[in-house]
Amino acid sequence: MQVGREVRLRRNELQMSLREVAELTELSTGFLSQVENDQVSPSLASLGRIAEAADTAVRAAQFRRSQPGGAFRRSPQGDIGR
């Protein structure tokens, strides 16, 4: 299995840019690009940060859909949603 391909597919499903993932994970966009292109093998810690960022994005999207009028509000988890 190619980890990078899976990471890119998930990021694209969530409609996130590399910059957004980088900000959430505190990993560089260059490193994330290398992961997605299977040029480097990320550590388990880095994979955990990437997975956590994807989960955060899913929770934020769910929160946005649940808000009437699309106003921005802070969720109980601290995520900003629309």
Protein backbone atom coordinates (compact mmCIF):
# COMPACT_ATOMS: atom_id res chain seq x y z
CA MET A 1 0.00 0.00 0.00
CA GLN A 2 1.24 3.46 -0.85
CA VAL A 3 0.70 5.67 2.16
CA GLY A 4 1.21 8.88 0.21
CA ARG A 5 -1.54 8.05 -2.26
CA GLU A 6 -3.97 7.43 0.59
CA VAL A 7 -2.98 10.67 2.31
CA ARG A 8 -3.54 12.65 -0.91
CA LEU A 9 -6.89 10.96 -1.60
CA ARG A 10 -8.13 11.76 1.89
CA ARG A 11 -6.93 15.37 1.69
CA ASN A 12 -8.68 15.79 -1.66
CA GLU A 13 -11.88 14.21 -0.31
CA LEU A 14 -11.83 16.82 2.45
CA GLN A 15 -11.07 19.57 -0.07
CA MET A 16 -8.07 20.69 1.95
CA SER A 17 -4.95 22.33 0.60
CA LEU A 18 -1.45 21.24 1.57
CA ARG A 19 -1.12 24.55 3.40
CA GLU A 20 -4.22 23.82 5.50
CA VAL A 21 -2.91 20.39 6.44
CA ALA A 22 0.50 21.87 7.20
CA GLU A 23 -1.03 24.44 9.54
CA LEU A 24 -3.05 21.81 11.40
CA THR A 25 -0.19 19.32 11.66
CA GLU A 26 2.69 21.75 12.13
CA LEU A 27 4.48 19.85 9.35
CA SER A 28 5.92 21.67 6.34
CA THR A 29 4.11 21.72 3.01
CA GLY A 30 7.30 20.38 1.41
CA PHE A 31 7.35 17.39 3.73
CA LEU A 32 3.65 16.70 3.17
CA SER A 33 4.19 16.88 -0.59
CA GLN A 34 7.03 14.39 -0.31
CA VAL A 35 4.79 12.08 1.73
CA GLU A 36 2.00 12.32 -0.85
CA ASN A 37 4.46 11.55 -3.65
CA ASP A 38 5.91 8.58 -1.71
CA GLN A 39 9.34 10.20 -1.68
CA VAL A 40 9.67 9.83 2.09
CA SER A 41 8.22 7.45 4.64
CA PRO A 42 6.62 9.43 7.45
CA SER A 43 7.07 8.39 11.05
CA LEU A 44 4.09 7.06 12.98
CA ALA A 45 4.01 10.37 14.85
CA SER A 46 3.73 12.32 11.59
CA LEU A 47 1.05 9.97 10.29
CA GLY A 48 -0.84 10.45 13.54
CA ARG A 49 -0.72 14.23 13.13
CA ILE A 50 -1.98 13.94 9.54
CA ALA A 51 -4.80 11.62 10.60
CA GLU A 52 -5.75 13.98 13.44
CA ALA A 53 -5.89 16.91 11.00
CA ALA A 54 -8.23 14.94 8.74
CA ASP A 55 -10.45 14.09 11.71
CA THR A 56 -10.52 17.74 12.77
CA ALA A 57 -11.56 18.76 9.26
CA VAL A 58 -14.38 16.19 9.26
CA ARG A 59 -15.67 17.42 12.63
CA ALA A 60 -15.53 21.04 11.47
CA ALA A 61 -17.48 20.20 8.28
CA GLN A 62 -20.11 18.34 10.28
CA PHE A 63 -20.43 21.29 12.63
CA ARG A 64 -20.80 23.76 9.75
CA ARG A 65 -23.61 21.69 8.24
CA SER A 66 -25.46 21.66 11.56
CA GLN A 67 -25.46 25.46 11.95
CA PRO A 68 -28.47 27.41 10.66
CA GLY A 69 -27.64 30.36 8.45
CA GLY A 70 -24.01 29.36 7.98
CA ALA A 71 -22.73 31.72 10.68
CA PHE A 72 -19.24 31.12 12.01
CA ARG A 73 -19.25 29.76 15.53
CA ARG A 74 -16.79 28.02 17.83
CA SER A 75 -17.59 24.39 18.55
CA PRO A 76 -17.15 22.84 22.03
CA GLN A 77 -13.94 21.20 20.71
CA GLY A 78 -12.51 24.62 19.86
CA ASP A 79 -12.88 24.21 16.08
CA ILE A 80 -14.14 27.16 14.12
CA GLY A 81 -17.01 26.20 11.87
CA ARG A 82 -19.34 27.86 9.49
